[in-house]
Amino acid sequence: PAVWGVLQLWTGGLSDRIGRKWMITAGMI
């Protein structure tokens, strides 16, 4: 949860810029 929690400061904003679909796909993989 530490890695998960800290990185969400970056990944949430990144999805605003590059899109949601492939962030979700890659994350699940």
mmCIF file of all heavy atoms, coordinates in Angstrom:
data_MODEL
# 
_entry.id   MODEL 
# 
loop_
_atom_site.group_PDB 
_atom_site.id 
_atom_site.type_symbol 
_atom_site.label_atom_id 
_atom_site.label_alt_id 
_atom_site.label_comp_id 
_atom_site.label_asym_id 
_atom_site.label_entity_id 
_atom_site.label_seq_id 
_atom_site.pdbx_PDB_ins_code 
_atom_site.Cartn_x 
_atom_site.Cartn_y 
_atom_site.Cartn_z 
_atom_site.occupancy 
_atom_site.B_iso_or_equiv 
_atom_site.pdbx_formal_charge 
_atom_site.auth_seq_id 
_atom_site.auth_comp_id 
_atom_site.auth_asym_id 
_atom_site.auth_atom_id 
_atom_site.pdbx_PDB_model_num 
ATOM 1   N N   . PRO A 1 1  ? 0.805   -1.228 0.000   1.00 0.00 ? 1  PRO A N   1 
ATOM 2   C CA  . PRO A 1 1  ? 0.000   0.000  0.000   1.00 0.00 ? 1  PRO A CA  1 
ATOM 3   C C   . PRO A 1 1  ? 0.835   1.275  0.000   1.00 0.00 ? 1  PRO A C   1 
ATOM 4   O O   . PRO A 1 1  ? 0.356   2.318  -0.427  1.00 0.00 ? 1  PRO A O   1 
ATOM 5   C CB  . PRO A 1 1  ? -0.846  -0.124 1.274   1.00 0.00 ? 1  PRO A CB  1 
ATOM 6   C CG  . PRO A 1 1  ? -0.089  -1.041 2.152   1.00 0.00 ? 1  PRO A CG  1 
ATOM 7   C CD  . PRO A 1 1  ? 0.607   -1.997 1.251   1.00 0.00 ? 1  PRO A CD  1 
ATOM 8   N N   . ALA A 1 2  ? 2.096   1.202  0.476   1.00 0.00 ? 2  ALA A N   1 
ATOM 9   C CA  . ALA A 1 2  ? 2.941   2.402  0.449   1.00 0.00 ? 2  ALA A CA  1 
ATOM 10  C C   . ALA A 1 2  ? 3.259   2.801  -0.990  1.00 0.00 ? 2  ALA A C   1 
ATOM 11  O O   . ALA A 1 2  ? 3.111   3.969  -1.381  1.00 0.00 ? 2  ALA A O   1 
ATOM 12  C CB  . ALA A 1 2  ? 4.228   2.162  1.233   1.00 0.00 ? 2  ALA A CB  1 
ATOM 13  N N   . VAL A 1 3  ? 3.697   1.837  -1.796  1.00 0.00 ? 3  VAL A N   1 
ATOM 14  C CA  . VAL A 1 3  ? 3.977   2.113  -3.210  1.00 0.00 ? 3  VAL A CA  1 
ATOM 15  C C   . VAL A 1 3  ? 2.696   2.523  -3.919  1.00 0.00 ? 3  VAL A C   1 
ATOM 16  O O   . VAL A 1 3  ? 2.670   3.494  -4.689  1.00 0.00 ? 3  VAL A O   1 
ATOM 17  C CB  . VAL A 1 3  ? 4.605   0.868  -3.876  1.00 0.00 ? 3  VAL A CB  1 
ATOM 18  C CG1 . VAL A 1 3  ? 4.729   1.071  -5.384  1.00 0.00 ? 3  VAL A CG1 1 
ATOM 19  C CG2 . VAL A 1 3  ? 5.964   0.566  -3.263  1.00 0.00 ? 3  VAL A CG2 1 
ATOM 20  N N   . TRP A 1 4  ? 1.648   1.785  -3.675  1.00 0.00 ? 4  TRP A N   1 
ATOM 21  C CA  . TRP A 1 4  ? 0.337   2.074  -4.247  1.00 0.00 ? 4  TRP A CA  1 
ATOM 22  C C   . TRP A 1 4  ? -0.110  3.475  -3.880  1.00 0.00 ? 4  TRP A C   1 
ATOM 23  O O   . TRP A 1 4  ? -0.518  4.272  -4.736  1.00 0.00 ? 4  TRP A O   1 
ATOM 24  C CB  . TRP A 1 4  ? -0.606  1.006  -3.729  1.00 0.00 ? 4  TRP A CB  1 
ATOM 25  C CG  . TRP A 1 4  ? -2.068  1.183  -3.890  1.00 0.00 ? 4  TRP A CG  1 
ATOM 26  C CD1 . TRP A 1 4  ? -2.734  2.125  -4.609  1.00 0.00 ? 4  TRP A CD1 1 
ATOM 27  C CD2 . TRP A 1 4  ? -3.081  0.366  -3.285  1.00 0.00 ? 4  TRP A CD2 1 
ATOM 28  N NE1 . TRP A 1 4  ? -4.098  1.939  -4.495  1.00 0.00 ? 4  TRP A NE1 1 
ATOM 29  C CE2 . TRP A 1 4  ? -4.329  0.878  -3.697  1.00 0.00 ? 4  TRP A CE2 1 
ATOM 30  C CE3 . TRP A 1 4  ? -3.043  -0.739 -2.454  1.00 0.00 ? 4  TRP A CE3 1 
ATOM 31  C CZ2 . TRP A 1 4  ? -5.531  0.304  -3.281  1.00 0.00 ? 4  TRP A CZ2 1 
ATOM 32  C CZ3 . TRP A 1 4  ? -4.242  -1.307 -2.053  1.00 0.00 ? 4  TRP A CZ3 1 
ATOM 33  C CH2 . TRP A 1 4  ? -5.472  -0.785 -2.463  1.00 0.00 ? 4  TRP A CH2 1 
ATOM 34  N N   . GLY A 1 5  ? -0.027  3.818  -2.609  1.00 0.00 ? 5  GLY A N   1 
ATOM 35  C CA  . GLY A 1 5  ? -0.499  5.124  -2.148  1.00 0.00 ? 5  GLY A CA  1 
ATOM 36  C C   . GLY A 1 5  ? 0.298   6.283  -2.709  1.00 0.00 ? 5  GLY A C   1 
ATOM 37  O O   . GLY A 1 5  ? -0.259  7.255  -3.222  1.00 0.00 ? 5  GLY A O   1 
ATOM 38  N N   . VAL A 1 6  ? 1.621   6.195  -2.633  1.00 0.00 ? 6  VAL A N   1 
ATOM 39  C CA  . VAL A 1 6  ? 2.464   7.314  -3.078  1.00 0.00 ? 6  VAL A CA  1 
ATOM 40  C C   . VAL A 1 6  ? 2.349   7.530  -4.582  1.00 0.00 ? 6  VAL A C   1 
ATOM 41  O O   . VAL A 1 6  ? 2.231   8.675  -5.055  1.00 0.00 ? 6  VAL A O   1 
ATOM 42  C CB  . VAL A 1 6  ? 3.932   7.058  -2.671  1.00 0.00 ? 6  VAL A CB  1 
ATOM 43  C CG1 . VAL A 1 6  ? 4.854   8.090  -3.319  1.00 0.00 ? 6  VAL A CG1 1 
ATOM 44  C CG2 . VAL A 1 6  ? 4.080   7.101  -1.146  1.00 0.00 ? 6  VAL A CG2 1 
ATOM 45  N N   . LEU A 1 7  ? 2.381   6.453  -5.361  1.00 0.00 ? 7  LEU A N   1 
ATOM 46  C CA  . LEU A 1 7  ? 2.362   6.597  -6.815  1.00 0.00 ? 7  LEU A CA  1 
ATOM 47  C C   . LEU A 1 7  ? 1.047   7.168  -7.339  1.00 0.00 ? 7  LEU A C   1 
ATOM 48  O O   . LEU A 1 7  ? 1.008   7.714  -8.446  1.00 0.00 ? 7  LEU A O   1 
ATOM 49  C CB  . LEU A 1 7  ? 2.634   5.244  -7.480  1.00 0.00 ? 7  LEU A CB  1 
ATOM 50  C CG  . LEU A 1 7  ? 4.082   4.757  -7.463  1.00 0.00 ? 7  LEU A CG  1 
ATOM 51  C CD1 . LEU A 1 7  ? 4.213   3.467  -8.235  1.00 0.00 ? 7  LEU A CD1 1 
ATOM 52  C CD2 . LEU A 1 7  ? 5.036   5.808  -8.010  1.00 0.00 ? 7  LEU A CD2 1 
ATOM 53  N N   . GLN A 1 8  ? -0.032  7.044  -6.567  1.00 0.00 ? 8  GLN A N   1 
ATOM 54  C CA  . GLN A 1 8  ? -1.313  7.564  -7.044  1.00 0.00 ? 8  GLN A CA  1 
ATOM 55  C C   . GLN A 1 8  ? -1.308  9.082  -7.175  1.00 0.00 ? 8  GLN A C   1 
ATOM 56  O O   . GLN A 1 8  ? -2.114  9.641  -7.919  1.00 0.00 ? 8  GLN A O   1 
ATOM 57  C CB  . GLN A 1 8  ? -2.436  7.114  -6.105  1.00 0.00 ? 8  GLN A CB  1 
ATOM 58  C CG  . GLN A 1 8  ? -2.759  5.646  -6.288  1.00 0.00 ? 8  GLN A CG  1 
ATOM 59  C CD  . GLN A 1 8  ? -3.831  5.162  -5.334  1.00 0.00 ? 8  GLN A CD  1 
ATOM 60  O OE1 . GLN A 1 8  ? -4.866  4.664  -5.757  1.00 0.00 ? 8  GLN A OE1 1 
ATOM 61  N NE2 . GLN A 1 8  ? -3.594  5.292  -4.047  1.00 0.00 ? 8  GLN A NE2 1 
ATOM 62  N N   . LEU A 1 9  ? -0.401  9.753  -6.471  1.00 0.00 ? 9  LEU A N   1 
ATOM 63  C CA  . LEU A 1 9  ? -0.241  11.191 -6.684  1.00 0.00 ? 9  LEU A CA  1 
ATOM 64  C C   . LEU A 1 9  ? 0.166   11.485 -8.119  1.00 0.00 ? 9  LEU A C   1 
ATOM 65  O O   . LEU A 1 9  ? -0.146  12.551 -8.660  1.00 0.00 ? 9  LEU A O   1 
ATOM 66  C CB  . LEU A 1 9  ? 0.819   11.747 -5.729  1.00 0.00 ? 9  LEU A CB  1 
ATOM 67  C CG  . LEU A 1 9  ? 0.382   11.993 -4.288  1.00 0.00 ? 9  LEU A CG  1 
ATOM 68  C CD1 . LEU A 1 9  ? 1.589   12.404 -3.449  1.00 0.00 ? 9  LEU A CD1 1 
ATOM 69  C CD2 . LEU A 1 9  ? -0.694  13.058 -4.222  1.00 0.00 ? 9  LEU A CD2 1 
ATOM 70  N N   . TRP A 1 10 ? 0.843   10.554 -8.744  1.00 0.00 ? 10 TRP A N   1 
ATOM 71  C CA  . TRP A 1 10 ? 1.322   10.722 -10.116 1.00 0.00 ? 10 TRP A CA  1 
ATOM 72  C C   . TRP A 1 10 ? 0.393   10.061 -11.126 1.00 0.00 ? 10 TRP A C   1 
ATOM 73  O O   . TRP A 1 10 ? 0.045   10.660 -12.137 1.00 0.00 ? 10 TRP A O   1 
ATOM 74  C CB  . TRP A 1 10 ? 2.725   10.136 -10.226 1.00 0.00 ? 10 TRP A CB  1 
ATOM 75  C CG  . TRP A 1 10 ? 3.283   10.156 -11.617 1.00 0.00 ? 10 TRP A CG  1 
ATOM 76  C CD1 . TRP A 1 10 ? 3.679   11.257 -12.329 1.00 0.00 ? 10 TRP A CD1 1 
ATOM 77  C CD2 . TRP A 1 10 ? 3.489   9.027  -12.473 1.00 0.00 ? 10 TRP A CD2 1 
ATOM 78  N NE1 . TRP A 1 10 ? 4.136   10.874 -13.578 1.00 0.00 ? 10 TRP A NE1 1 
ATOM 79  C CE2 . TRP A 1 10 ? 4.031   9.513  -13.685 1.00 0.00 ? 10 TRP A CE2 1 
ATOM 80  C CE3 . TRP A 1 10 ? 3.287   7.662  -12.323 1.00 0.00 ? 10 TRP A CE3 1 
ATOM 81  C CZ2 . TRP A 1 10 ? 4.360   8.678  -14.738 1.00 0.00 ? 10 TRP A CZ2 1 
ATOM 82  C CZ3 . TRP A 1 10 ? 3.616   6.818  -13.379 1.00 0.00 ? 10 TRP A CZ3 1 
ATOM 83  C CH2 . TRP A 1 10 ? 4.142   7.329  -14.565 1.00 0.00 ? 10 TRP A CH2 1 
ATOM 84  N N   . THR A 1 11 ? -0.049  8.829  -10.848 1.00 0.00 ? 11 THR A N   1 
ATOM 85  C CA  . THR A 1 11 ? -0.819  8.085  -11.846 1.00 0.00 ? 11 THR A CA  1 
ATOM 86  C C   . THR A 1 11 ? -2.200  8.693  -12.082 1.00 0.00 ? 11 THR A C   1 
ATOM 87  O O   . THR A 1 11 ? -2.692  8.668  -13.217 1.00 0.00 ? 11 THR A O   1 
ATOM 88  C CB  . THR A 1 11 ? -0.981  6.614  -11.418 1.00 0.00 ? 11 THR A CB  1 
ATOM 89  O OG1 . THR A 1 11 ? -1.589  6.559  -10.116 1.00 0.00 ? 11 THR A OG1 1 
ATOM 90  C CG2 . THR A 1 11 ? 0.358   5.913  -11.380 1.00 0.00 ? 11 THR A CG2 1 
ATOM 91  N N   . GLY A 1 12 ? -2.838  9.226  -11.042 1.00 0.00 ? 12 GLY A N   1 
ATOM 92  C CA  . GLY A 1 12 ? -4.146  9.836  -11.248 1.00 0.00 ? 12 GLY A CA  1 
ATOM 93  C C   . GLY A 1 12 ? -4.074  11.012 -12.198 1.00 0.00 ? 12 GLY A C   1 
ATOM 94  O O   . GLY A 1 12 ? -4.857  11.121 -13.153 1.00 0.00 ? 12 GLY A O   1 
ATOM 95  N N   . GLY A 1 13 ? -3.107  11.915 -11.962 1.00 0.00 ? 13 GLY A N   1 
ATOM 96  C CA  . GLY A 1 13 ? -2.936  13.050 -12.859 1.00 0.00 ? 13 GLY A CA  1 
ATOM 97  C C   . GLY A 1 13 ? -2.485  12.639 -14.245 1.00 0.00 ? 13 GLY A C   1 
ATOM 98  O O   . GLY A 1 13 ? -2.868  13.256 -15.244 1.00 0.00 ? 13 GLY A O   1 
ATOM 99  N N   . LEU A 1 14 ? -1.672  11.576 -14.328 1.00 0.00 ? 14 LEU A N   1 
ATOM 100 C CA  . LEU A 1 14 ? -1.215  11.103 -15.634 1.00 0.00 ? 14 LEU A CA  1 
ATOM 101 C C   . LEU A 1 14 ? -2.390  10.648 -16.494 1.00 0.00 ? 14 LEU A C   1 
ATOM 102 O O   . LEU A 1 14 ? -2.412  10.881 -17.711 1.00 0.00 ? 14 LEU A O   1 
ATOM 103 C CB  . LEU A 1 14 ? -0.219  9.954  -15.445 1.00 0.00 ? 14 LEU A CB  1 
ATOM 104 C CG  . LEU A 1 14 ? 0.398   9.376  -16.718 1.00 0.00 ? 14 LEU A CG  1 
ATOM 105 C CD1 . LEU A 1 14 ? 1.245   10.429 -17.431 1.00 0.00 ? 14 LEU A CD1 1 
ATOM 106 C CD2 . LEU A 1 14 ? 1.248   8.148  -16.382 1.00 0.00 ? 14 LEU A CD2 1 
ATOM 107 N N   . SER A 1 15 ? -3.393  10.018 -15.865 1.00 0.00 ? 15 SER A N   1 
ATOM 108 C CA  . SER A 1 15 ? -4.558  9.569  -16.636 1.00 0.00 ? 15 SER A CA  1 
ATOM 109 C C   . SER A 1 15 ? -5.353  10.746 -17.186 1.00 0.00 ? 15 SER A C   1 
ATOM 110 O O   . SER A 1 15 ? -6.052  10.604 -18.200 1.00 0.00 ? 15 SER A O   1 
ATOM 111 C CB  . SER A 1 15 ? -5.461  8.684  -15.780 1.00 0.00 ? 15 SER A CB  1 
ATOM 112 O OG  . SER A 1 15 ? -6.204  9.439  -14.841 1.00 0.00 ? 15 SER A OG  1 
ATOM 113 N N   . ASP A 1 16 ? -5.268  11.921 -16.541 1.00 0.00 ? 16 ASP A N   1 
ATOM 114 C CA  . ASP A 1 16 ? -5.906  13.117 -17.100 1.00 0.00 ? 16 ASP A CA  1 
ATOM 115 C C   . ASP A 1 16 ? -5.248  13.522 -18.414 1.00 0.00 ? 16 ASP A C   1 
ATOM 116 O O   . ASP A 1 16 ? -5.905  14.059 -19.306 1.00 0.00 ? 16 ASP A O   1 
ATOM 117 C CB  . ASP A 1 16 ? -5.797  14.290 -16.116 1.00 0.00 ? 16 ASP A CB  1 
ATOM 118 C CG  . ASP A 1 16 ? -6.646  14.101 -14.872 1.00 0.00 ? 16 ASP A CG  1 
ATOM 119 O OD1 . ASP A 1 16 ? -7.697  13.445 -14.964 1.00 0.00 ? 16 ASP A OD1 1 
ATOM 120 O OD2 . ASP A 1 16 ? -6.260  14.627 -13.814 1.00 0.00 ? 16 ASP A OD2 1 
ATOM 121 N N   . ARG A 1 17 ? -3.946  13.239 -18.528 1.00 0.00 ? 17 ARG A N   1 
ATOM 122 C CA  . ARG A 1 17 ? -3.194  13.706 -19.697 1.00 0.00 ? 17 ARG A CA  1 
ATOM 123 C C   . ARG A 1 17 ? -3.133  12.668 -20.816 1.00 0.00 ? 17 ARG A C   1 
ATOM 124 O O   . ARG A 1 17 ? -3.277  13.014 -21.989 1.00 0.00 ? 17 ARG A O   1 
ATOM 125 C CB  . ARG A 1 17 ? -1.769  14.082 -19.268 1.00 0.00 ? 17 ARG A CB  1 
ATOM 126 C CG  . ARG A 1 17 ? -1.730  15.233 -18.281 1.00 0.00 ? 17 ARG A CG  1 
ATOM 127 C CD  . ARG A 1 17 ? -0.309  15.742 -18.073 1.00 0.00 ? 17 ARG A CD  1 
ATOM 128 N NE  . ARG A 1 17 ? 0.543   14.747 -17.424 1.00 0.00 ? 17 ARG A NE  1 
ATOM 129 C CZ  . ARG A 1 17 ? 0.631   14.581 -16.114 1.00 0.00 ? 17 ARG A CZ  1 
ATOM 130 N NH1 . ARG A 1 17 ? -0.089  15.331 -15.287 1.00 0.00 ? 17 ARG A NH1 1 
ATOM 131 N NH2 . ARG A 1 17 ? 1.444   13.675 -15.596 1.00 0.00 ? 17 ARG A NH2 1 
ATOM 132 N N   . ILE A 1 18 ? -2.914  11.389 -20.465 1.00 0.00 ? 18 ILE A N   1 
ATOM 133 C CA  . ILE A 1 18 ? -2.705  10.392 -21.519 1.00 0.00 ? 18 ILE A CA  1 
ATOM 134 C C   . ILE A 1 18 ? -3.919  9.489  -21.722 1.00 0.00 ? 18 ILE A C   1 
ATOM 135 O O   . ILE A 1 18 ? -3.940  8.693  -22.666 1.00 0.00 ? 18 ILE A O   1 
ATOM 136 C CB  . ILE A 1 18 ? -1.471  9.518  -21.232 1.00 0.00 ? 18 ILE A CB  1 
ATOM 137 C CG1 . ILE A 1 18 ? -1.721  8.594  -20.027 1.00 0.00 ? 18 ILE A CG1 1 
ATOM 138 C CG2 . ILE A 1 18 ? -0.238  10.377 -21.009 1.00 0.00 ? 18 ILE A CG2 1 
ATOM 139 C CD1 . ILE A 1 18 ? -0.623  7.571  -19.819 1.00 0.00 ? 18 ILE A CD1 1 
ATOM 140 N N   . GLY A 1 19 ? -4.923  9.604  -20.855 1.00 0.00 ? 19 GLY A N   1 
ATOM 141 C CA  . GLY A 1 19 ? -6.129  8.808  -21.021 1.00 0.00 ? 19 GLY A CA  1 
ATOM 142 C C   . GLY A 1 19 ? -6.260  7.715  -19.978 1.00 0.00 ? 19 GLY A C   1 
ATOM 143 O O   . GLY A 1 19 ? -5.306  7.348  -19.292 1.00 0.00 ? 19 GLY A O   1 
ATOM 144 N N   . ARG A 1 20 ? -7.473  7.191  -19.872 1.00 0.00 ? 20 ARG A N   1 
ATOM 145 C CA  . ARG A 1 20 ? -7.796  6.214  -18.830 1.00 0.00 ? 20 ARG A CA  1 
ATOM 146 C C   . ARG A 1 20 ? -7.603  4.764  -19.294 1.00 0.00 ? 20 ARG A C   1 
ATOM 147 O O   . ARG A 1 20 ? -7.129  3.928  -18.538 1.00 0.00 ? 20 ARG A O   1 
ATOM 148 C CB  . ARG A 1 20 ? -9.258  6.359  -18.409 1.00 0.00 ? 20 ARG A CB  1 
ATOM 149 C CG  . ARG A 1 20 ? -9.775  7.778  -18.297 1.00 0.00 ? 20 ARG A CG  1 
ATOM 150 C CD  . ARG A 1 20 ? -9.336  8.492  -17.071 1.00 0.00 ? 20 ARG A CD  1 
ATOM 151 N NE  . ARG A 1 20 ? -10.144 9.691  -16.856 1.00 0.00 ? 20 ARG A NE  1 
ATOM 152 C CZ  . ARG A 1 20 ? -9.683  10.798 -16.299 1.00 0.00 ? 20 ARG A CZ  1 
ATOM 153 N NH1 . ARG A 1 20 ? -8.432  10.871 -15.878 1.00 0.00 ? 20 ARG A NH1 1 
ATOM 154 N NH2 . ARG A 1 20 ? -10.471 11.849 -16.132 1.00 0.00 ? 20 ARG A NH2 1 
ATOM 155 N N   . LYS A 1 21 ? -8.005  4.457  -20.514 1.00 0.00 ? 21 LYS A N   1 
ATOM 156 C CA  . LYS A 1 21 ? -8.136  3.064  -20.957 1.00 0.00 ? 21 LYS A CA  1 
ATOM 157 C C   . LYS A 1 21 ? -6.845  2.275  -20.808 1.00 0.00 ? 21 LYS A C   1 
ATOM 158 O O   . LYS A 1 21 ? -6.828  1.194  -20.192 1.00 0.00 ? 21 LYS A O   1 
ATOM 159 C CB  . LYS A 1 21 ? -8.624  3.027  -22.410 1.00 0.00 ? 21 LYS A CB  1 
ATOM 160 C CG  . LYS A 1 21 ? -8.698  1.609  -22.974 1.00 0.00 ? 21 LYS A CG  1 
ATOM 161 C CD  . LYS A 1 21 ? -9.290  1.601  -24.371 1.00 0.00 ? 21 LYS A CD  1 
ATOM 162 C CE  . LYS A 1 21 ? -9.382  0.181  -24.905 1.00 0.00 ? 21 LYS A CE  1 
ATOM 163 N NZ  . LYS A 1 21 ? -10.096 0.113  -26.193 1.00 0.00 ? 21 LYS A NZ  1 
ATOM 164 N N   . TRP A 1 22 ? -5.761  2.803  -21.351 1.00 0.00 ? 22 TRP A N   1 
ATOM 165 C CA  . TRP A 1 22 ? -4.534  2.010  -21.359 1.00 0.00 ? 22 TRP A CA  1 
ATOM 166 C C   . TRP A 1 22 ? -3.818  2.049  -20.023 1.00 0.00 ? 22 TRP A C   1 
ATOM 167 O O   . TRP A 1 22 ? -3.038  1.145  -19.713 1.00 0.00 ? 22 TRP A O   1 
ATOM 168 C CB  . TRP A 1 22 ? -3.644  2.462  -22.513 1.00 0.00 ? 22 TRP A CB  1 
ATOM 169 C CG  . TRP A 1 22 ? -4.319  2.203  -23.818 1.00 0.00 ? 22 TRP A CG  1 
ATOM 170 C CD1 . TRP A 1 22 ? -4.800  3.121  -24.702 1.00 0.00 ? 22 TRP A CD1 1 
ATOM 171 C CD2 . TRP A 1 22 ? -4.660  0.918  -24.366 1.00 0.00 ? 22 TRP A CD2 1 
ATOM 172 N NE1 . TRP A 1 22 ? -5.408  2.508  -25.768 1.00 0.00 ? 22 TRP A NE1 1 
ATOM 173 C CE2 . TRP A 1 22 ? -5.337  1.157  -25.598 1.00 0.00 ? 22 TRP A CE2 1 
ATOM 174 C CE3 . TRP A 1 22 ? -4.461  -0.396 -23.952 1.00 0.00 ? 22 TRP A CE3 1 
ATOM 175 C CZ2 . TRP A 1 22 ? -5.799  0.114  -26.394 1.00 0.00 ? 22 TRP A CZ2 1 
ATOM 176 C CZ3 . TRP A 1 22 ? -4.930  -1.434 -24.747 1.00 0.00 ? 22 TRP A CZ3 1 
ATOM 177 C CH2 . TRP A 1 22 ? -5.595  -1.169 -25.953 1.00 0.00 ? 22 TRP A CH2 1 
ATOM 178 N N   . MET A 1 23 ? -4.094  3.043  -19.206 1.00 0.00 ? 23 MET A N   1 
ATOM 179 C CA  . MET A 1 23 ? -3.593  3.027  -17.832 1.00 0.00 ? 23 MET A CA  1 
ATOM 180 C C   . MET A 1 23 ? -4.217  1.861  -17.070 1.00 0.00 ? 23 MET A C   1 
ATOM 181 O O   . MET A 1 23 ? -3.537  1.136  -16.333 1.00 0.00 ? 23 MET A O   1 
ATOM 182 C CB  . MET A 1 23 ? -3.930  4.341  -17.132 1.00 0.00 ? 23 MET A CB  1 
ATOM 183 C CG  . MET A 1 23 ? -3.041  5.505  -17.480 1.00 0.00 ? 23 MET A CG  1 
ATOM 184 S SD  . MET A 1 23 ? -1.455  5.471  -16.609 1.00 0.00 ? 23 MET A SD  1 
ATOM 185 C CE  . MET A 1 23 ? -2.000  5.868  -14.944 1.00 0.00 ? 23 MET A CE  1 
ATOM 186 N N   . ILE A 1 24 ? -5.532  1.683  -17.249 1.00 0.00 ? 24 ILE A N   1 
ATOM 187 C CA  . ILE A 1 24 ? -6.226  0.596  -16.561 1.00 0.00 ? 24 ILE A CA  1 
ATOM 188 C C   . ILE A 1 24 ? -5.759  -0.758 -17.094 1.00 0.00 ? 24 ILE A C   1 
ATOM 189 O O   . ILE A 1 24 ? -5.465  -1.683 -16.324 1.00 0.00 ? 24 ILE A O   1 
ATOM 190 C CB  . ILE A 1 24 ? -7.743  0.743  -16.724 1.00 0.00 ? 24 ILE A CB  1 
ATOM 191 C CG1 . ILE A 1 24 ? -8.224  2.027  -16.035 1.00 0.00 ? 24 ILE A CG1 1 
ATOM 192 C CG2 . ILE A 1 24 ? -8.476  -0.466 -16.159 1.00 0.00 ? 24 ILE A CG2 1 
ATOM 193 C CD1 . ILE A 1 24 ? -9.665  2.402  -16.343 1.00 0.00 ? 24 ILE A CD1 1 
ATOM 194 N N   . THR A 1 25 ? -5.673  -0.881 -18.408 1.00 0.00 ? 25 THR A N   1 
ATOM 195 C CA  . THR A 1 25 ? -5.235  -2.144 -19.006 1.00 0.00 ? 25 THR A CA  1 
ATOM 196 C C   . THR A 1 25 ? -3.851  -2.541 -18.517 1.00 0.00 ? 25 THR A C   1 
ATOM 197 O O   . THR A 1 25 ? -3.631  -3.677 -18.061 1.00 0.00 ? 25 THR A O   1 
ATOM 198 C CB  . THR A 1 25 ? -5.229  -2.025 -20.537 1.00 0.00 ? 25 THR A CB  1 
ATOM 199 O OG1 . THR A 1 25 ? -6.552  -1.714 -20.996 1.00 0.00 ? 25 THR A OG1 1 
ATOM 200 C CG2 . THR A 1 25 ? -4.765  -3.321 -21.176 1.00 0.00 ? 25 THR A CG2 1 
ATOM 201 N N   . ALA A 1 26 ? -2.901  -1.607 -18.614 1.00 0.00 ? 26 ALA A N   1 
ATOM 202 C CA  . ALA A 1 26 ? -1.533  -1.906 -18.185 1.00 0.00 ? 26 ALA A CA  1 
ATOM 203 C C   . ALA A 1 26 ? -1.466  -2.206 -16.698 1.00 0.00 ? 26 ALA A C   1 
ATOM 204 O O   . ALA A 1 26 ? -0.742  -3.106 -16.261 1.00 0.00 ? 26 ALA A O   1 
ATOM 205 C CB  . ALA A 1 26 ? -0.615  -0.731 -18.533 1.00 0.00 ? 26 ALA A CB  1 
ATOM 206 N N   . GLY A 1 27 ? -2.232  -1.458 -15.910 1.00 0.00 ? 27 GLY A N   1 
ATOM 207 C CA  . GLY A 1 27 ? -2.213  -1.673 -14.467 1.00 0.00 ? 27 GLY A CA  1 
ATOM 208 C C   . GLY A 1 27 ? -2.719  -3.055 -14.088 1.00 0.00 ? 27 GLY A C   1 
ATOM 209 O O   . GLY A 1 27 ? -2.146  -3.721 -13.217 1.00 0.00 ? 27 GLY A O   1 
ATOM 210 N N   . MET A 1 28 ? -3.789  -3.525 -14.730 1.00 0.00 ? 28 MET A N   1 
ATOM 211 C CA  . MET A 1 28 ? -4.312  -4.852 -14.441 1.00 0.00 ? 28 MET A CA  1 
ATOM 212 C C   . MET A 1 28 ? -3.310  -5.936 -14.823 1.00 0.00 ? 28 MET A C   1 
ATOM 213 O O   . MET A 1 28 ? -3.156  -6.942 -14.118 1.00 0.00 ? 28 MET A O   1 
ATOM 214 C CB  . MET A 1 28 ? -5.632  -5.073 -15.177 1.00 0.00 ? 28 MET A CB  1 
ATOM 215 C CG  . MET A 1 28 ? -6.752  -4.131 -14.780 1.00 0.00 ? 28 MET A CG  1 
ATOM 216 S SD  . MET A 1 28 ? -7.251  -4.285 -13.053 1.00 0.00 ? 28 MET A SD  1 
ATOM 217 C CE  . MET A 1 28 ? -8.110  -5.842 -13.072 1.00 0.00 ? 28 MET A CE  1 
ATOM 218 N N   . ILE A 1 29 ? -2.611  -5.735 -15.927 1.00 0.00 ? 29 ILE A N   1 
ATOM 219 C CA  . ILE A 1 29 ? -1.611  -6.721 -16.355 1.00 0.00 ? 29 ILE A CA  1 
ATOM 220 C C   . ILE A 1 29 ? -0.441  -6.755 -15.372 1.00 0.00 ? 29 ILE A C   1 
ATOM 221 O O   . ILE A 1 29 ? 0.040   -7.834 -14.993 1.00 0.00 ? 29 ILE A O   1 
ATOM 222 C CB  . ILE A 1 29 ? -1.136  -6.410 -17.777 1.00 0.00 ? 29 ILE A CB  1 
ATOM 223 C CG1 . ILE A 1 29 ? -2.282  -6.656 -18.768 1.00 0.00 ? 29 ILE A CG1 1 
ATOM 224 C CG2 . ILE A 1 29 ? 0.088   -7.244 -18.145 1.00 0.00 ? 29 ILE A CG2 1 
ATOM 225 C CD1 . ILE A 1 29 ? -1.979  -6.226 -20.183 1.00 0.00 ? 29 ILE A CD1 1 
# 
